[in-house]
Amino acid sequence: MNTYVWTITELNCLPTAGSLTDYVVTAIWLCTGTDGTYTGKQNGSTLFAVNPNDPNYVPYNQLTEAEVIQWVQETLTPTGVAAVTQAIDLQIQSQANPPIISPP
């Protein structure tokens, strides 16, 4: 069973959105998976809709990585998250059982 770790490597913000400052509009992320021996990685960026009237707005300086990862995964939907982990699984499988080899 492979395990996956999501990290946020960068956030991009609008300086202002209505009366809000540093409004996060893009998250750059990395998902790393491992089977304990081999590792695969997939990175990407996720855009978020701008809503200056959002009652659930969290200021940039109060965001946690866990919150942003949740936003990313919700935006990707379960199908998108599954596609990311499947791509990582294929990388790991290719390392464990190389489809092409170069004999001596």
PDB file of N, CA and C in Angstrom:
ATOM      1  N   MET A   1       0.845  -1.182   0.000  1.00  0.00           N
ATOM      2  CA  MET A   1       0.000   0.000   0.000  1.00  0.00           C
ATOM      3  C   MET A   1       0.887   1.239   0.000  1.00  0.00           C
ATOM      4  N   ASN A   2       0.656   2.109  -0.952  1.00  0.00           N
ATOM      5  CA  ASN A   2       1.434   3.341  -1.042  1.00  0.00           C
ATOM      6  C   ASN A   2       0.872   4.397  -0.096  1.00  0.00           C
ATOM      7  N   THR A   3       1.747   5.235   0.417  1.00  0.00           N
ATOM      8  CA  THR A   3       1.330   6.365   1.243  1.00  0.00           C
ATOM      9  C   THR A   3       1.679   7.654   0.515  1.00  0.00           C
ATOM     10  N   TYR A   4       0.900   8.686   0.749  1.00  0.00           N
ATOM     11  CA  TYR A   4       1.043   9.954   0.029  1.00  0.00           C
ATOM     12  C   TYR A   4       1.115  11.110   1.016  1.00  0.00           C
ATOM     13  N   VAL A   5       1.963  12.075   0.697  1.00  0.00           N
ATOM     14  CA  VAL A   5       2.079  13.289   1.500  1.00  0.00           C
ATOM     15  C   VAL A   5       1.929  14.474   0.557  1.00  0.00           C
ATOM     16  N   TRP A   6       0.988  15.335   0.870  1.00  0.00           N
ATOM     17  CA  TRP A   6       0.764  16.558   0.100  1.00  0.00           C
ATOM     18  C   TRP A   6       1.440  17.715   0.812  1.00  0.00           C
ATOM     19  N   THR A   7       2.123  18.573   0.052  1.00  0.00           N
ATOM     20  CA  THR A   7       2.720  19.785   0.611  1.00  0.00           C
ATOM     21  C   THR A   7       2.399  20.955  -0.305  1.00  0.00           C
ATOM     22  N   ILE A   8       2.326  22.111   0.296  1.00  0.00           N
ATOM     23  CA  ILE A   8       2.129  23.357  -0.457  1.00  0.00           C
ATOM     24  C   ILE A   8       3.495  24.015  -0.551  1.00  0.00           C
ATOM     25  N   THR A   9       3.943  24.269  -1.777  1.00  0.00           N
ATOM     26  CA  THR A   9       5.274  24.845  -1.962  1.00  0.00           C
ATOM     27  C   THR A   9       5.233  26.351  -2.192  1.00  0.00           C
ATOM     28  N   GLU A  10       4.065  26.866  -2.583  1.00  0.00           N
ATOM     29  CA  GLU A  10       3.968  28.317  -2.832  1.00  0.00           C
ATOM     30  C   GLU A  10       2.504  28.716  -2.882  1.00  0.00           C
ATOM     31  N   LEU A  11       2.214  29.907  -2.432  1.00  0.00           N
ATOM     32  CA  LEU A  11       0.885  30.498  -2.567  1.00  0.00           C
ATOM     33  C   LEU A  11       1.023  31.823  -3.306  1.00  0.00           C
ATOM     34  N   ASN A  12       0.109  32.068  -4.219  1.00  0.00           N
ATOM     35  CA  ASN A  12       0.072  33.352  -4.928  1.00  0.00           C
ATOM     36  C   ASN A  12      -1.196  34.079  -4.516  1.00  0.00           C
ATOM     37  N   CYS A  13      -1.060  35.368  -4.271  1.00  0.00           N
ATOM     38  CA  CYS A  13      -2.172  36.166  -3.754  1.00  0.00           C
ATOM     39  C   CYS A  13      -2.425  37.391  -4.606  1.00  0.00           C
ATOM     40  N   LEU A  14      -3.683  37.830  -4.594  1.00  0.00           N
ATOM     41  CA  LEU A  14      -4.014  39.165  -5.066  1.00  0.00           C
ATOM     42  C   LEU A  14      -3.705  40.109  -3.912  1.00  0.00           C
ATOM     43  N   PRO A  15      -3.074  41.256  -4.181  1.00  0.00           N
ATOM     44  CA  PRO A  15      -2.803  42.181  -3.072  1.00  0.00           C
ATOM     45  C   PRO A  15      -4.084  42.604  -2.353  1.00  0.00           C
ATOM     46  N   THR A  16      -5.158  42.812  -3.152  1.00  0.00           N
ATOM     47  CA  THR A  16      -6.455  43.139  -2.551  1.00  0.00           C
ATOM     48  C   THR A  16      -7.565  42.503  -3.379  1.00  0.00           C
ATOM     49  N   ALA A  17      -8.618  42.127  -2.697  1.00  0.00           N
ATOM     50  CA  ALA A  17      -9.855  41.643  -3.324  1.00  0.00           C
ATOM     51  C   ALA A  17     -10.972  42.255  -2.505  1.00  0.00           C
ATOM     52  N   GLY A  18     -11.574  43.314  -3.046  1.00  0.00           N
ATOM     53  CA  GLY A  18     -12.533  44.071  -2.251  1.00  0.00           C
ATOM     54  C   GLY A  18     -11.802  44.707  -1.093  1.00  0.00           C
ATOM     55  N   SER A  19     -12.256  44.451   0.117  1.00  0.00           N
ATOM     56  CA  SER A  19     -11.594  45.004   1.304  1.00  0.00           C
ATOM     57  C   SER A  19     -10.596  44.023   1.919  1.00  0.00           C
ATOM     58  N   LEU A  20     -10.430  42.865   1.286  1.00  0.00           N
ATOM     59  CA  LEU A  20      -9.531  41.831   1.824  1.00  0.00           C
ATOM     60  C   LEU A  20      -8.137  41.985   1.238  1.00  0.00           C
ATOM     61  N   THR A  21      -7.129  41.656   2.027  1.00  0.00           N
ATOM     62  CA  THR A  21      -5.751  41.758   1.541  1.00  0.00           C
ATOM     63  C   THR A  21      -5.124  40.364   1.456  1.00  0.00           C
ATOM     64  N   ASP A  22      -4.120  40.251   0.574  1.00  0.00           N
ATOM     65  CA  ASP A  22      -3.388  38.995   0.366  1.00  0.00           C
ATOM     66  C   ASP A  22      -4.349  37.819   0.184  1.00  0.00           C
ATOM     67  N   TYR A  23      -5.211  37.945  -0.797  1.00  0.00           N
ATOM     68  CA  TYR A  23      -6.246  36.949  -1.082  1.00  0.00           C
ATOM     69  C   TYR A  23      -5.639  35.830  -1.927  1.00  0.00           C
ATOM     70  N   VAL A  24      -5.579  34.617  -1.389  1.00  0.00           N
ATOM     71  CA  VAL A  24      -4.941  33.487  -2.068  1.00  0.00           C
ATOM     72  C   VAL A  24      -5.761  33.084  -3.295  1.00  0.00           C
ATOM     73  N   VAL A  25      -5.076  33.050  -4.449  1.00  0.00           N
ATOM     74  CA  VAL A  25      -5.739  32.669  -5.690  1.00  0.00           C
ATOM     75  C   VAL A  25      -5.129  31.428  -6.341  1.00  0.00           C
ATOM     76  N   THR A  26      -3.902  31.088  -5.966  1.00  0.00           N
ATOM     77  CA  THR A  26      -3.239  29.914  -6.541  1.00  0.00           C
ATOM     78  C   THR A  26      -2.391  29.221  -5.480  1.00  0.00           C
ATOM     79  N   ALA A  27      -2.479  27.903  -5.464  1.00  0.00           N
ATOM     80  CA  ALA A  27      -1.595  27.094  -4.616  1.00  0.00           C
ATOM     81  C   ALA A  27      -0.758  26.214  -5.533  1.00  0.00           C
ATOM     82  N   ILE A  28       0.543  26.232  -5.325  1.00  0.00           N
ATOM     83  CA  ILE A  28       1.464  25.331  -6.009  1.00  0.00           C
ATOM     84  C   ILE A  28       1.720  24.190  -5.022  1.00  0.00           C
ATOM     85  N   TRP A  29       1.519  22.961  -5.463  1.00  0.00           N
ATOM     86  CA  TRP A  29       1.575  21.825  -4.550  1.00  0.00           C
ATOM     87  C   TRP A  29       2.442  20.699  -5.095  1.00  0.00           C
ATOM     88  N   LEU A  30       2.818  19.805  -4.180  1.00  0.00           N
ATOM     89  CA  LEU A  30       3.593  18.615  -4.504  1.00  0.00           C
ATOM     90  C   LEU A  30       2.990  17.457  -3.721  1.00  0.00           C
ATOM     91  N   CYS A  31       2.742  16.353  -4.416  1.00  0.00           N
ATOM     92  CA  CYS A  31       2.294  15.133  -3.751  1.00  0.00           C
ATOM     93  C   CYS A  31       3.387  14.090  -3.951  1.00  0.00           C
ATOM     94  N   THR A  32       3.867  13.542  -2.853  1.00  0.00           N
ATOM     95  CA  THR A  32       4.911  12.526  -2.891  1.00  0.00           C
ATOM     96  C   THR A  32       4.325  11.229  -2.357  1.00  0.00           C
ATOM     97  N   GLY A  33       4.557  10.153  -3.100  1.00  0.00           N
ATOM     98  CA  GLY A  33       4.070   8.843  -2.673  1.00  0.00           C
ATOM     99  C   GLY A  33       5.217   7.872  -2.554  1.00  0.00           C
ATOM    100  N   THR A  34       5.069   6.902  -1.670  1.00  0.00           N
ATOM    101  CA  THR A  34       6.106   5.882  -1.509  1.00  0.00           C
ATOM    102  C   THR A  34       5.466   4.555  -1.141  1.00  0.00           C
ATOM    103  N   ASP A  35       6.156   3.488  -1.538  1.00  0.00           N
ATOM    104  CA  ASP A  35       5.759   2.151  -1.104  1.00  0.00           C
ATOM    105  C   ASP A  35       6.702   1.649  -0.018  1.00  0.00           C
ATOM    106  N   GLY A  36       7.575   2.530   0.453  1.00  0.00           N
ATOM    107  CA  GLY A  36       8.567   2.176   1.449  1.00  0.00           C
ATOM    108  C   GLY A  36       9.945   1.966   0.843  1.00  0.00           C
ATOM    109  N   THR A  37       9.975   1.679  -0.462  1.00  0.00           N
ATOM    110  CA  THR A  37      11.236   1.485  -1.167  1.00  0.00           C
ATOM    111  C   THR A  37      11.396   2.505  -2.293  1.00  0.00           C
ATOM    112  N   TYR A  38      10.363   2.654  -3.077  1.00  0.00           N
ATOM    113  CA  TYR A  38      10.391   3.551  -4.235  1.00  0.00           C
ATOM    114  C   TYR A  38       9.492   4.751  -3.985  1.00  0.00           C
ATOM    115  N   THR A  39       9.826   5.855  -4.690  1.00  0.00           N
ATOM    116  CA  THR A  39       9.104   7.110  -4.496  1.00  0.00           C
ATOM    117  C   THR A  39       8.695   7.695  -5.836  1.00  0.00           C
ATOM    118  N   GLY A  40       7.498   8.274  -5.876  1.00  0.00           N
ATOM    119  CA  GLY A  40       7.021   9.004  -7.049  1.00  0.00           C
ATOM    120  C   GLY A  40       6.519  10.367  -6.615  1.00  0.00           C
ATOM    121  N   LYS A  41       6.527  11.309  -7.548  1.00  0.00           N
ATOM    122  CA  LYS A  41       6.087  12.672  -7.223  1.00  0.00           C
ATOM    123  C   LYS A  41       5.235  13.231  -8.346  1.00  0.00           C
ATOM    124  N   GLN A  42       4.286  14.049  -7.956  1.00  0.00           N
ATOM    125  CA  GLN A  42       3.448  14.765  -8.915  1.00  0.00           C
ATOM    126  C   GLN A  42       3.261  16.172  -8.357  1.00  0.00           C
ATOM    127  N   ASN A  43       3.462  17.167  -9.207  1.00  0.00           N
ATOM    128  CA  ASN A  43       3.233  18.532  -8.742  1.00  0.00           C
ATOM    129  C   ASN A  43       2.212  19.202  -9.644  1.00  0.00           C
ATOM    130  N   GLY A  44       1.685  20.301  -9.165  1.00  0.00           N
ATOM    131  CA  GLY A  44       0.696  21.020  -9.938  1.00  0.00           C
ATOM    132  C   GLY A  44       0.345  22.337  -9.284  1.00  0.00           C
ATOM    133  N   SER A  45      -0.578  23.024  -9.910  1.00  0.00           N
ATOM    134  CA  SER A  45      -1.083  24.275  -9.341  1.00  0.00           C
ATOM    135  C   SER A  45      -2.597  24.246  -9.423  1.00  0.00           C
ATOM    136  N   THR A  46      -3.208  24.852  -8.445  1.00  0.00           N
ATOM    137  CA  THR A  46      -4.660  24.893  -8.369  1.00  0.00           C
ATOM    138  C   THR A  46      -5.094  26.345  -8.201  1.00  0.00           C
ATOM    139  N   LEU A  47      -6.038  26.754  -9.050  1.00  0.00           N
ATOM    140  CA  LEU A  47      -6.587  28.108  -8.988  1.00  0.00           C
ATOM    141  C   LEU A  47      -7.847  28.102  -8.135  1.00  0.00           C
ATOM    142  N   PHE A  48      -8.024  29.168  -7.374  1.00  0.00           N
ATOM    143  CA  PHE A  48      -9.213  29.309  -6.544  1.00  0.00           C
ATOM    144  C   PHE A  48     -10.018  30.513  -7.022  1.00  0.00           C
ATOM    145  N   ALA A  49     -11.322  30.388  -6.974  1.00  0.00           N
ATOM    146  CA  ALA A  49     -12.203  31.491  -7.360  1.00  0.00           C
ATOM    147  C   ALA A  49     -12.057  32.638  -6.363  1.00  0.00           C
ATOM    148  N   VAL A  50     -12.180  33.831  -6.882  1.00  0.00           N
ATOM    149  CA  VAL A  50     -12.101  35.024  -6.031  1.00  0.00           C
ATOM    150  C   VAL A  50     -13.518  35.413  -5.625  1.00  0.00           C
ATOM    151  N   ASN A  51     -13.735  35.514  -4.331  1.00  0.00           N
ATOM    152  CA  ASN A  51     -15.024  35.950  -3.801  1.00  0.00           C
ATOM    153  C   ASN A  51     -14.760  36.864  -2.609  1.00  0.00           C
ATOM    154  N   PRO A  52     -14.646  38.179  -2.862  1.00  0.00           N
ATOM    155  CA  PRO A  52     -14.344  39.110  -1.762  1.00  0.00           C
ATOM    156  C   PRO A  52     -15.418  39.149  -0.674  1.00  0.00           C
ATOM    157  N   ASN A  53     -16.586  38.561  -0.941  1.00  0.00           N
ATOM    158  CA  ASN A  53     -17.663  38.546   0.051  1.00  0.00           C
ATOM    159  C   ASN A  53     -17.778  37.199   0.763  1.00  0.00           C
ATOM    160  N   ASP A  54     -16.792  36.335   0.596  1.00  0.00           N
ATOM    161  CA  ASP A  54     -16.822  35.008   1.202  1.00  0.00           C
ATOM    162  C   ASP A  54     -16.825  35.129   2.727  1.00  0.00           C
ATOM    163  N   PRO A  55     -17.882  34.628   3.380  1.00  0.00           N
ATOM    164  CA  PRO A  55     -17.935  34.724   4.845  1.00  0.00           C
ATOM    165  C   PRO A  55     -16.921  33.805   5.533  1.00  0.00           C
ATOM    166  N   ASN A  56     -16.366  32.840   4.792  1.00  0.00           N
ATOM    167  CA  ASN A  56     -15.398  31.904   5.372  1.00  0.00           C
ATOM    168  C   ASN A  56     -13.958  32.270   5.030  1.00  0.00           C
ATOM    169  N   TYR A  57     -13.738  33.476   4.544  1.00  0.00           N
ATOM    170  CA  TYR A  57     -12.398  33.923   4.182  1.00  0.00           C
ATOM    171  C   TYR A  57     -11.452  33.797   5.366  1.00  0.00           C
ATOM    172  N   VAL A  58     -10.267  33.236   5.087  1.00  0.00           N
ATOM    173  CA  VAL A  58      -9.227  33.130   6.118  1.00  0.00           C
ATOM    174  C   VAL A  58      -8.053  33.974   5.638  1.00  0.00           C
ATOM    175  N   PRO A  59      -7.623  34.957   6.406  1.00  0.00           N
ATOM    176  CA  PRO A  59      -6.494  35.787   5.995  1.00  0.00           C
ATOM    177  C   PRO A  59      -5.247  34.935   5.759  1.00  0.00           C
ATOM    178  N   TYR A  60      -4.459  35.344   4.786  1.00  0.00           N
ATOM    179  CA  TYR A  60      -3.236  34.622   4.413  1.00  0.00           C
ATOM    180  C   TYR A  60      -2.387  34.283   5.629  1.00  0.00           C
ATOM    181  N   ASN A  61      -2.178  35.248   6.497  1.00  0.00           N
ATOM    182  CA  ASN A  61      -1.278  35.031   7.637  1.00  0.00           C
ATOM    183  C   ASN A  61      -1.874  34.112   8.708  1.00  0.00           C
ATOM    184  N   GLN A  62      -3.134  33.688   8.530  1.00  0.00           N
ATOM    185  CA  GLN A  62      -3.758  32.760   9.475  1.00  0.00           C
ATOM    186  C   GLN A  62      -3.994  31.373   8.869  1.00  0.00           C
ATOM    187  N   LEU A  63      -3.653  31.208   7.586  1.00  0.00           N
ATOM    188  CA  LEU A  63      -3.852  29.925   6.914  1.00  0.00           C
ATOM    189  C   LEU A  63      -2.875  28.872   7.428  1.00  0.00           C
ATOM    190  N   THR A  64      -3.335  27.649   7.472  1.00  0.00           N
ATOM    191  CA  THR A  64      -2.444  26.526   7.756  1.00  0.00           C
ATOM    192  C   THR A  64      -2.269  25.736   6.458  1.00  0.00           C
ATOM    193  N   GLU A  65      -1.190  24.998   6.388  1.00  0.00           N
ATOM    194  CA  GLU A  65      -0.965  24.170   5.201  1.00  0.00           C
ATOM    195  C   GLU A  65      -2.090  23.154   5.045  1.00  0.00           C
ATOM    196  N   ALA A  66      -2.569  22.612   6.141  1.00  0.00           N
ATOM    197  CA  ALA A  66      -3.651  21.627   6.093  1.00  0.00           C
ATOM    198  C   ALA A  66      -4.912  22.217   5.452  1.00  0.00           C
ATOM    199  N   GLU A  67      -5.229  23.482   5.774  1.00  0.00           N
ATOM    200  CA  GLU A  67      -6.396  24.125   5.170  1.00  0.00           C
ATOM    201  C   GLU A  67      -6.234  24.255   3.663  1.00  0.00           C
ATOM    202  N   VAL A  68      -5.046  24.681   3.236  1.00  0.00           N
ATOM    203  CA  VAL A  68      -4.823  24.885   1.807  1.00  0.00           C
ATOM    204  C   VAL A  68      -4.825  23.539   1.072  1.00  0.00           C
ATOM    205  N   ILE A  69      -4.258  22.508   1.668  1.00  0.00           N
ATOM    206  CA  ILE A  69      -4.300  21.172   1.061  1.00  0.00           C
ATOM    207  C   ILE A  69      -5.751  20.722   0.899  1.00  0.00           C
ATOM    208  N   GLN A  70      -6.573  20.997   1.888  1.00  0.00           N
ATOM    209  CA  GLN A  70      -7.996  20.657   1.802  1.00  0.00           C
ATOM    210  C   GLN A  70      -8.649  21.405   0.641  1.00  0.00           C
ATOM    211  N   TRP A  71      -8.343  22.700   0.486  1.00  0.00           N
ATOM    212  CA  TRP A  71      -8.885  23.477  -0.638  1.00  0.00           C
ATOM    213  C   TRP A  71      -8.469  22.853  -1.967  1.00  0.00           C
ATOM    214  N   VAL A  72      -7.181  22.510  -2.057  1.00  0.00           N
ATOM    215  CA  VAL A  72      -6.653  21.919  -3.296  1.00  0.00           C
ATOM    216  C   VAL A  72      -7.406  20.637  -3.611  1.00  0.00           C
ATOM    217  N   GLN A  73      -7.512  19.751  -2.637  1.00  0.00           N
ATOM    218  CA  GLN A  73      -8.153  18.466  -2.875  1.00  0.00           C
ATOM    219  C   GLN A  73      -9.639  18.618  -3.178  1.00  0.00           C
ATOM    220  N   GLU A  74     -10.304  19.569  -2.539  1.00  0.00           N
ATOM    221  CA  GLU A  74     -11.713  19.823  -2.852  1.00  0.00           C
ATOM    222  C   GLU A  74     -11.863  20.355  -4.271  1.00  0.00           C
ATOM    223  N   THR A  75     -10.943  21.226  -4.685  1.00  0.00           N
ATOM    224  CA  THR A  75     -11.000  21.793  -6.025  1.00  0.00           C
ATOM    225  C   THR A  75     -10.690  20.724  -7.074  1.00  0.00           C
ATOM    226  N   LEU A  76      -9.740  19.846  -6.785  1.00  0.00           N
ATOM    227  CA  LEU A  76      -9.406  18.765  -7.711  1.00  0.00           C
ATOM    228  C   LEU A  76     -10.538  17.749  -7.821  1.00  0.00           C
ATOM    229  N   THR A  77     -11.344  17.618  -6.807  1.00  0.00           N
ATOM    230  CA  THR A  77     -12.398  16.612  -6.655  1.00  0.00           C
ATOM    231  C   THR A  77     -11.758  15.240  -6.411  1.00  0.00           C
ATOM    232  N   PRO A  78     -12.529  14.299  -5.908  1.00  0.00           N
ATOM    233  CA  PRO A  78     -11.963  12.965  -5.684  1.00  0.00           C
ATOM    234  C   PRO A  78     -11.368  12.340  -6.958  1.00  0.00           C
ATOM    235  N   THR A  79     -11.965  12.627  -8.097  1.00  0.00           N
ATOM    236  CA  THR A  79     -11.444  12.094  -9.359  1.00  0.00           C
ATOM    237  C   THR A  79     -10.065  12.656  -9.661  1.00  0.00           C
ATOM    238  N   GLY A  80      -9.860  13.948  -9.440  1.00  0.00           N
ATOM    239  CA  GLY A  80      -8.558  14.570  -9.679  1.00  0.00           C
ATOM    240  C   GLY A  80      -7.499  14.085  -8.708  1.00  0.00           C
ATOM    241  N   VAL A  81      -7.875  13.923  -7.449  1.00  0.00           N
ATOM    242  CA  VAL A  81      -6.934  13.405  -6.445  1.00  0.00           C
ATOM    243  C   VAL A  81      -6.541  11.979  -6.821  1.00  0.00           C
ATOM    244  N   ALA A  82      -7.508  11.182  -7.268  1.00  0.00           N
ATOM    245  CA  ALA A  82      -7.219   9.807  -7.679  1.00  0.00           C
ATOM    246  C   ALA A  82      -6.277   9.791  -8.883  1.00  0.00           C
ATOM    247  N   ALA A  83      -6.429  10.736  -9.800  1.00  0.00           N
ATOM    248  CA  ALA A  83      -5.537  10.807 -10.960  1.00  0.00           C
ATOM    249  C   ALA A  83      -4.104  11.119 -10.532  1.00  0.00           C
ATOM    250  N   VAL A  84      -3.950  11.990  -9.536  1.00  0.00           N
ATOM    251  CA  VAL A  84      -2.618  12.332  -9.027  1.00  0.00           C
ATOM    252  C   VAL A  84      -1.977  11.102  -8.393  1.00  0.00           C
ATOM    253  N   THR A  85      -2.711  10.428  -7.530  1.00  0.00           N
ATOM    254  CA  THR A  85      -2.129   9.263  -6.855  1.00  0.00           C
ATOM    255  C   THR A  85      -1.884   8.116  -7.846  1.00  0.00           C
ATOM    256  N   GLN A  86      -2.730   7.990  -8.856  1.00  0.00           N
ATOM    257  CA  GLN A  86      -2.520   6.951  -9.866  1.00  0.00           C
ATOM    258  C   GLN A  86      -1.234   7.210 -10.657  1.00  0.00           C
ATOM    259  N   ALA A  87      -0.969   8.475 -10.993  1.00  0.00           N
ATOM    260  CA  ALA A  87       0.268   8.819 -11.702  1.00  0.00           C
ATOM    261  C   ALA A  87       1.487   8.470 -10.848  1.00  0.00           C
ATOM    262  N   ILE A  88       1.388   8.718  -9.555  1.00  0.00           N
ATOM    263  CA  ILE A  88       2.483   8.380  -8.636  1.00  0.00           C
ATOM    264  C   ILE A  88       2.641   6.866  -8.546  1.00  0.00           C
ATOM    265  N   ASP A  89       1.522   6.157  -8.452  1.00  0.00           N
ATOM    266  CA  ASP A  89       1.574   4.688  -8.399  1.00  0.00           C
ATOM    267  C   ASP A  89       2.280   4.123  -9.627  1.00  0.00           C
ATOM    268  N   LEU A  90       2.000   4.686 -10.797  1.00  0.00           N
ATOM    269  CA  LEU A  90       2.647   4.214 -12.025  1.00  0.00           C
ATOM    270  C   LEU A  90       4.150   4.466 -11.999  1.00  0.00           C
ATOM    271  N   GLN A  91       4.570   5.605 -11.449  1.00  0.00           N
ATOM    272  CA  GLN A  91       6.002   5.878 -11.303  1.00  0.00           C
ATOM    273  C   GLN A  91       6.663   4.833 -10.406  1.00  0.00           C
ATOM    274  N   ILE A  92       6.008   4.536  -9.294  1.00  0.00           N
ATOM    275  CA  ILE A  92       6.546   3.561  -8.345  1.00  0.00           C
ATOM    276  C   ILE A  92       6.606   2.176  -8.986  1.00  0.00           C
ATOM    277  N   GLN A  93       5.548   1.786  -9.701  1.00  0.00           N
ATOM    278  CA  GLN A  93       5.535   0.488 -10.376  1.00  0.00           C
ATOM    279  C   GLN A  93       6.647   0.389 -11.411  1.00  0.00           C
ATOM    280  N   SER A  94       6.893   1.485 -12.131  1.00  0.00           N
ATOM    281  CA  SER A  94       7.950   1.481 -13.149  1.00  0.00           C
ATOM    282  C   SER A  94       9.336   1.361 -12.532  1.00  0.00           C
ATOM    283  N   GLN A  95       9.509   1.894 -11.337  1.00  0.00           N
ATOM    284  CA  GLN A  95      10.791   1.739 -10.646  1.00  0.00           C
ATOM    285  C   GLN A  95      10.968   0.315 -10.137  1.00  0.00           C
ATOM    286  N   ALA A  96       9.895  -0.266  -9.616  1.00  0.00           N
ATOM    287  CA  ALA A  96       9.958  -1.617  -9.060  1.00  0.00           C
ATOM    288  C   ALA A  96      10.104  -2.666 -10.168  1.00  0.00           C
ATOM    289  N   ASN A  97       9.445  -2.428 -11.296  1.00  0.00           N
ATOM    290  CA  ASN A  97       9.459  -3.357 -12.429  1.00  0.00           C
ATOM    291  C   ASN A  97       9.695  -2.559 -13.703  1.00  0.00           C
ATOM    292  N   PRO A  98      10.943  -2.196 -13.981  1.00  0.00           N
ATOM    293  CA  PRO A  98      11.220  -1.337 -15.141  1.00  0.00           C
ATOM    294  C   PRO A  98      10.693  -1.931 -16.447  1.00  0.00           C
ATOM    295  N   PRO A  99       9.918  -1.143 -17.203  1.00  0.00           N
ATOM    296  CA  PRO A  99       9.371  -1.652 -18.466  1.00  0.00           C
ATOM    297  C   PRO A  99      10.437  -1.786 -19.546  1.00  0.00           C
ATOM    298  N   ILE A 100      11.514  -1.055 -19.428  1.00  0.00           N
ATOM    299  CA  ILE A 100      12.614  -1.100 -20.376  1.00  0.00           C
ATOM    300  C   ILE A 100      13.908  -1.185 -19.569  1.00  0.00           C
ATOM    301  N   ILE A 101      14.791  -2.091 -19.973  1.00  0.00           N
ATOM    302  CA  ILE A 101      16.070  -2.215 -19.294  1.00  0.00           C
ATOM    303  C   ILE A 101      17.203  -2.138 -20.315  1.00  0.00           C
ATOM    304  N   SER A 102      18.391  -1.882 -19.858  1.00  0.00           N
ATOM    305  CA  SER A 102      19.591  -1.833 -20.703  1.00  0.00           C
ATOM    306  C   SER A 102      20.566  -2.878 -20.188  1.00  0.00           C
ATOM    307  N   PRO A 103      20.510  -4.109 -20.743  1.00  0.00           N
ATOM    308  CA  PRO A 103      21.435  -5.145 -20.281  1.00  0.00           C
ATOM    309  C   PRO A 103      22.887  -4.743 -20.565  1.00  0.00           C
ATOM    310  N   PRO A 104      23.820  -5.315 -19.823  1.00  0.00           N
ATOM    311  CA  PRO A 104      25.246  -4.977 -20.044  1.00  0.00           C
ATOM    312  C   PRO A 104      25.741  -5.425 -21.415  1.00  0.00           C
TER     313      PRO A 104
END
